[in-house]
Amino acid sequence: MSMLRAAARVELLSLLVLLGNLATVHVPWVATLLGPLHGCAYLVVIGATLAVTGRGRARLLAVVPGIGGLLVLRVLHGRAEPAVRAGDA
C-alpha cells in the first residue's frame, strides 16, 4: 500500500510540474526528465492497484491520469463508498 501511496503522489506532482512548465517557460529538459518519471509512476499506480485489490471500481479509477492513484487510495480507505446504506440493511 505504501508503494501505491508514493507512486500516486509522484504521479500527481510530476504532472503538475509538467503542466506548469508547459504553461510558463516550457524548458525542454524538464519535460525530458519528468515525462518518463510521470509515465512510470502512472504504470506503477495501475500495477499496484491490480496487486492490492480486486475491486472493479478501484481498478477503473487507477487509469485516470494524474489523480487516479489518489482516487484509488480514497476508495480503499472507505471514504468514497459507504459500507452499508440505509436501504440495503
N, C-alpha and C. Protein backbone atom coordinates (compact mmCIF):
# COMPACT_ATOMS: atom_id res chain seq x y z
N MET A 1 0.82 -1.19 0.00
CA MET A 1 0.00 0.00 0.00
C MET A 1 0.87 1.26 0.00
N SER A 2 2.02 1.19 0.65
CA SER A 2 2.89 2.38 0.69
C SER A 2 3.47 2.67 -0.69
N MET A 3 3.69 1.63 -1.50
CA MET A 3 4.18 1.86 -2.86
C MET A 3 3.11 2.58 -3.68
N LEU A 4 1.86 2.19 -3.51
CA LEU A 4 0.76 2.85 -4.21
C LEU A 4 0.66 4.30 -3.77
N ARG A 5 0.79 4.55 -2.49
CA ARG A 5 0.70 5.93 -1.97
C ARG A 5 1.83 6.80 -2.53
N ALA A 6 3.05 6.27 -2.54
CA ALA A 6 4.19 7.02 -3.06
C ALA A 6 4.06 7.27 -4.55
N ALA A 7 3.66 6.24 -5.30
CA ALA A 7 3.51 6.39 -6.75
C ALA A 7 2.41 7.38 -7.09
N ALA A 8 1.33 7.38 -6.33
CA ALA A 8 0.23 8.32 -6.58
C ALA A 8 0.69 9.76 -6.39
N ARG A 9 1.49 9.97 -5.35
CA ARG A 9 1.99 11.33 -5.09
C ARG A 9 2.98 11.77 -6.17
N VAL A 10 3.87 10.86 -6.57
CA VAL A 10 4.84 11.19 -7.62
C VAL A 10 4.13 11.46 -8.93
N GLU A 11 3.10 10.67 -9.23
CA GLU A 11 2.35 10.86 -10.47
C GLU A 11 1.70 12.24 -10.50
N LEU A 12 1.03 12.61 -9.43
CA LEU A 12 0.35 13.91 -9.39
C LEU A 12 1.35 15.06 -9.41
N LEU A 13 2.38 14.97 -8.61
CA LEU A 13 3.37 16.05 -8.56
C LEU A 13 4.09 16.23 -9.89
N SER A 14 4.46 15.13 -10.53
CA SER A 14 5.15 15.24 -11.82
C SER A 14 4.23 15.83 -12.89
N LEU A 15 2.94 15.47 -12.85
CA LEU A 15 2.00 16.03 -13.81
C LEU A 15 1.83 17.53 -13.59
N LEU A 16 1.74 17.95 -12.34
CA LEU A 16 1.60 19.38 -12.05
C LEU A 16 2.82 20.17 -12.52
N VAL A 17 4.01 19.62 -12.30
CA VAL A 17 5.22 20.31 -12.74
C VAL A 17 5.28 20.34 -14.27
N LEU A 18 4.92 19.24 -14.92
CA LEU A 18 4.91 19.22 -16.39
C LEU A 18 3.94 20.25 -16.96
N LEU A 19 2.75 20.32 -16.40
CA LEU A 19 1.76 21.28 -16.89
C LEU A 19 2.17 22.71 -16.58
N GLY A 20 2.75 22.92 -15.40
CA GLY A 20 3.25 24.25 -15.06
C GLY A 20 4.36 24.69 -15.99
N ASN A 21 5.25 23.77 -16.32
CA ASN A 21 6.33 24.07 -17.25
C ASN A 21 5.76 24.40 -18.63
N LEU A 22 4.79 23.65 -19.06
CA LEU A 22 4.18 23.87 -20.38
C LEU A 22 3.47 25.22 -20.43
N ALA A 23 2.82 25.61 -19.35
CA ALA A 23 2.06 26.86 -19.32
C ALA A 23 2.95 28.09 -19.15
N THR A 24 4.16 27.91 -18.65
CA THR A 24 5.00 29.08 -18.38
C THR A 24 6.23 29.11 -19.29
N VAL A 25 7.33 28.60 -18.84
CA VAL A 25 8.60 28.78 -19.55
C VAL A 25 8.90 27.72 -20.60
N HIS A 26 8.30 26.56 -20.48
CA HIS A 26 8.49 25.44 -21.41
C HIS A 26 9.96 25.11 -21.64
N VAL A 27 10.62 24.76 -20.55
CA VAL A 27 12.02 24.32 -20.60
C VAL A 27 12.04 22.87 -21.07
N PRO A 28 12.69 22.57 -22.20
CA PRO A 28 12.65 21.22 -22.75
C PRO A 28 13.19 20.13 -21.83
N TRP A 29 14.25 20.41 -21.06
CA TRP A 29 14.82 19.35 -20.23
C TRP A 29 13.90 18.95 -19.09
N VAL A 30 12.98 19.83 -18.67
CA VAL A 30 12.03 19.46 -17.63
C VAL A 30 11.11 18.37 -18.15
N ALA A 31 10.62 18.54 -19.36
CA ALA A 31 9.76 17.52 -19.96
C ALA A 31 10.54 16.24 -20.23
N THR A 32 11.80 16.38 -20.62
CA THR A 32 12.63 15.21 -20.91
C THR A 32 12.85 14.37 -19.64
N LEU A 33 13.03 15.02 -18.50
CA LEU A 33 13.24 14.30 -17.25
C LEU A 33 11.94 13.82 -16.61
N LEU A 34 10.95 14.68 -16.56
CA LEU A 34 9.74 14.36 -15.82
C LEU A 34 8.71 13.56 -16.62
N GLY A 35 8.77 13.63 -17.93
CA GLY A 35 7.83 12.86 -18.75
C GLY A 35 7.91 11.35 -18.48
N PRO A 36 9.10 10.77 -18.58
CA PRO A 36 9.23 9.34 -18.28
C PRO A 36 8.93 9.01 -16.81
N LEU A 37 9.30 9.91 -15.90
CA LEU A 37 9.01 9.69 -14.48
C LEU A 37 7.50 9.63 -14.26
N HIS A 38 6.78 10.55 -14.87
CA HIS A 38 5.32 10.56 -14.76
C HIS A 38 4.72 9.28 -15.35
N GLY A 39 5.21 8.89 -16.52
CA GLY A 39 4.69 7.67 -17.16
C GLY A 39 4.96 6.43 -16.33
N CYS A 40 6.13 6.36 -15.75
CA CYS A 40 6.49 5.22 -14.90
C CYS A 40 5.62 5.20 -13.64
N ALA A 41 5.43 6.34 -13.02
CA ALA A 41 4.58 6.42 -11.82
C ALA A 41 3.15 6.02 -12.15
N TYR A 42 2.68 6.43 -13.31
CA TYR A 42 1.32 6.07 -13.77
C TYR A 42 1.18 4.55 -13.88
N LEU A 43 2.18 3.91 -14.49
CA LEU A 43 2.14 2.46 -14.64
C LEU A 43 2.27 1.75 -13.29
N VAL A 44 3.07 2.29 -12.39
CA VAL A 44 3.21 1.70 -11.05
C VAL A 44 1.88 1.80 -10.29
N VAL A 45 1.18 2.92 -10.44
CA VAL A 45 -0.13 3.07 -9.79
C VAL A 45 -1.09 2.00 -10.30
N ILE A 46 -1.12 1.79 -11.59
CA ILE A 46 -2.01 0.78 -12.16
C ILE A 46 -1.61 -0.61 -11.67
N GLY A 47 -0.32 -0.93 -11.74
CA GLY A 47 0.14 -2.24 -11.30
C GLY A 47 -0.08 -2.48 -9.82
N ALA A 48 0.19 -1.49 -9.00
CA ALA A 48 -0.01 -1.63 -7.55
C ALA A 48 -1.48 -1.79 -7.22
N THR A 49 -2.33 -1.09 -7.94
CA THR A 49 -3.78 -1.24 -7.71
C THR A 49 -4.24 -2.64 -8.07
N LEU A 50 -3.74 -3.17 -9.18
CA LEU A 50 -4.09 -4.54 -9.55
C LEU A 50 -3.61 -5.53 -8.51
N ALA A 51 -2.44 -5.28 -7.92
CA ALA A 51 -1.89 -6.19 -6.92
C ALA A 51 -2.61 -6.09 -5.58
N VAL A 52 -3.07 -4.90 -5.23
CA VAL A 52 -3.64 -4.67 -3.91
C VAL A 52 -5.11 -5.06 -3.82
N THR A 53 -5.87 -4.83 -4.88
CA THR A 53 -7.31 -5.02 -4.78
C THR A 53 -7.88 -5.70 -6.01
N GLY A 54 -9.01 -6.32 -5.82
CA GLY A 54 -9.76 -6.91 -6.92
C GLY A 54 -11.03 -6.13 -7.21
N ARG A 55 -11.19 -5.01 -6.53
CA ARG A 55 -12.40 -4.21 -6.70
C ARG A 55 -12.38 -3.52 -8.06
N GLY A 56 -13.44 -3.70 -8.81
CA GLY A 56 -13.53 -3.14 -10.15
C GLY A 56 -13.48 -1.63 -10.18
N ARG A 57 -14.14 -1.00 -9.22
CA ARG A 57 -14.17 0.46 -9.20
C ARG A 57 -12.77 1.03 -8.99
N ALA A 58 -12.03 0.45 -8.07
CA ALA A 58 -10.66 0.92 -7.80
C ALA A 58 -9.79 0.72 -9.03
N ARG A 59 -9.94 -0.40 -9.70
CA ARG A 59 -9.14 -0.67 -10.90
C ARG A 59 -9.46 0.31 -12.02
N LEU A 60 -10.71 0.68 -12.16
CA LEU A 60 -11.08 1.66 -13.18
C LEU A 60 -10.55 3.05 -12.83
N LEU A 61 -10.59 3.40 -11.57
CA LEU A 61 -10.09 4.71 -11.15
C LEU A 61 -8.58 4.82 -11.32
N ALA A 62 -7.88 3.71 -11.25
CA ALA A 62 -6.42 3.73 -11.36
C ALA A 62 -5.95 4.24 -12.72
N VAL A 63 -6.75 4.08 -13.75
CA VAL A 63 -6.32 4.50 -15.09
C VAL A 63 -6.61 5.98 -15.37
N VAL A 64 -7.17 6.70 -14.42
CA VAL A 64 -7.38 8.14 -14.59
C VAL A 64 -6.03 8.83 -14.42
N PRO A 65 -5.54 9.49 -15.47
CA PRO A 65 -4.21 10.12 -15.37
C PRO A 65 -4.16 11.23 -14.33
N GLY A 66 -3.06 11.29 -13.61
CA GLY A 66 -2.83 12.36 -12.66
C GLY A 66 -3.37 12.11 -11.29
N ILE A 67 -4.66 11.88 -11.15
CA ILE A 67 -5.27 11.72 -9.83
C ILE A 67 -5.81 10.33 -9.57
N GLY A 68 -5.62 9.41 -10.50
CA GLY A 68 -6.15 8.06 -10.34
C GLY A 68 -5.66 7.36 -9.09
N GLY A 69 -4.38 7.49 -8.80
CA GLY A 69 -3.83 6.85 -7.61
C GLY A 69 -4.43 7.38 -6.33
N LEU A 70 -4.63 8.68 -6.27
CA LEU A 70 -5.24 9.27 -5.07
C LEU A 70 -6.70 8.84 -4.93
N LEU A 71 -7.39 8.71 -6.06
CA LEU A 71 -8.77 8.24 -6.01
C LEU A 71 -8.84 6.79 -5.54
N VAL A 72 -7.90 5.97 -5.99
CA VAL A 72 -7.84 4.58 -5.54
C VAL A 72 -7.61 4.51 -4.03
N LEU A 73 -6.68 5.30 -3.54
CA LEU A 73 -6.42 5.32 -2.10
C LEU A 73 -7.66 5.73 -1.32
N ARG A 74 -8.39 6.66 -1.86
CA ARG A 74 -9.62 7.11 -1.19
C ARG A 74 -10.65 5.99 -1.14
N VAL A 75 -10.80 5.27 -2.25
CA VAL A 75 -11.75 4.16 -2.28
C VAL A 75 -11.31 3.05 -1.34
N LEU A 76 -10.03 2.74 -1.33
CA LEU A 76 -9.53 1.66 -0.48
C LEU A 76 -9.65 1.99 1.01
N HIS A 77 -9.61 3.25 1.34
CA HIS A 77 -9.77 3.63 2.75
C HIS A 77 -11.23 3.80 3.13
N GLY A 78 -12.16 3.56 2.20
CA GLY A 78 -13.57 3.56 2.51
C GLY A 78 -14.25 4.90 2.59
N ARG A 79 -13.57 5.97 2.18
CA ARG A 79 -14.20 7.28 2.27
C ARG A 79 -15.13 7.54 1.09
N ALA A 80 -14.93 6.85 -0.02
CA ALA A 80 -15.74 7.12 -1.20
C ALA A 80 -17.00 6.27 -1.25
N GLU A 81 -16.98 5.11 -0.60
CA GLU A 81 -18.13 4.21 -0.63
C GLU A 81 -18.58 3.91 0.78
N PRO A 82 -19.82 4.21 1.12
CA PRO A 82 -20.30 3.83 2.44
C PRO A 82 -20.42 2.31 2.55
N ALA A 83 -20.10 1.76 3.70
CA ALA A 83 -20.11 0.31 3.89
C ALA A 83 -21.53 -0.26 3.79
N VAL A 84 -22.47 0.37 4.46
CA VAL A 84 -23.86 -0.09 4.43
C VAL A 84 -24.75 1.13 4.27
N ARG A 85 -25.61 1.05 3.26
CA ARG A 85 -26.58 2.14 3.08
C ARG A 85 -27.86 1.80 3.83
N ALA A 86 -28.64 2.78 4.15
CA ALA A 86 -29.85 2.59 4.95
C ALA A 86 -30.82 1.60 4.30
N GLY A 87 -30.99 1.65 3.00
CA GLY A 87 -31.93 0.77 2.32
C GLY A 87 -31.42 -0.64 2.08
N ASP A 88 -30.12 -0.86 2.24
CA ASP A 88 -29.53 -2.16 1.96
C ASP A 88 -29.61 -3.14 3.13
N ALA A 89 -29.80 -2.63 4.32
CA ALA A 89 -29.75 -3.49 5.51
C ALA A 89 -30.98 -4.29 5.71
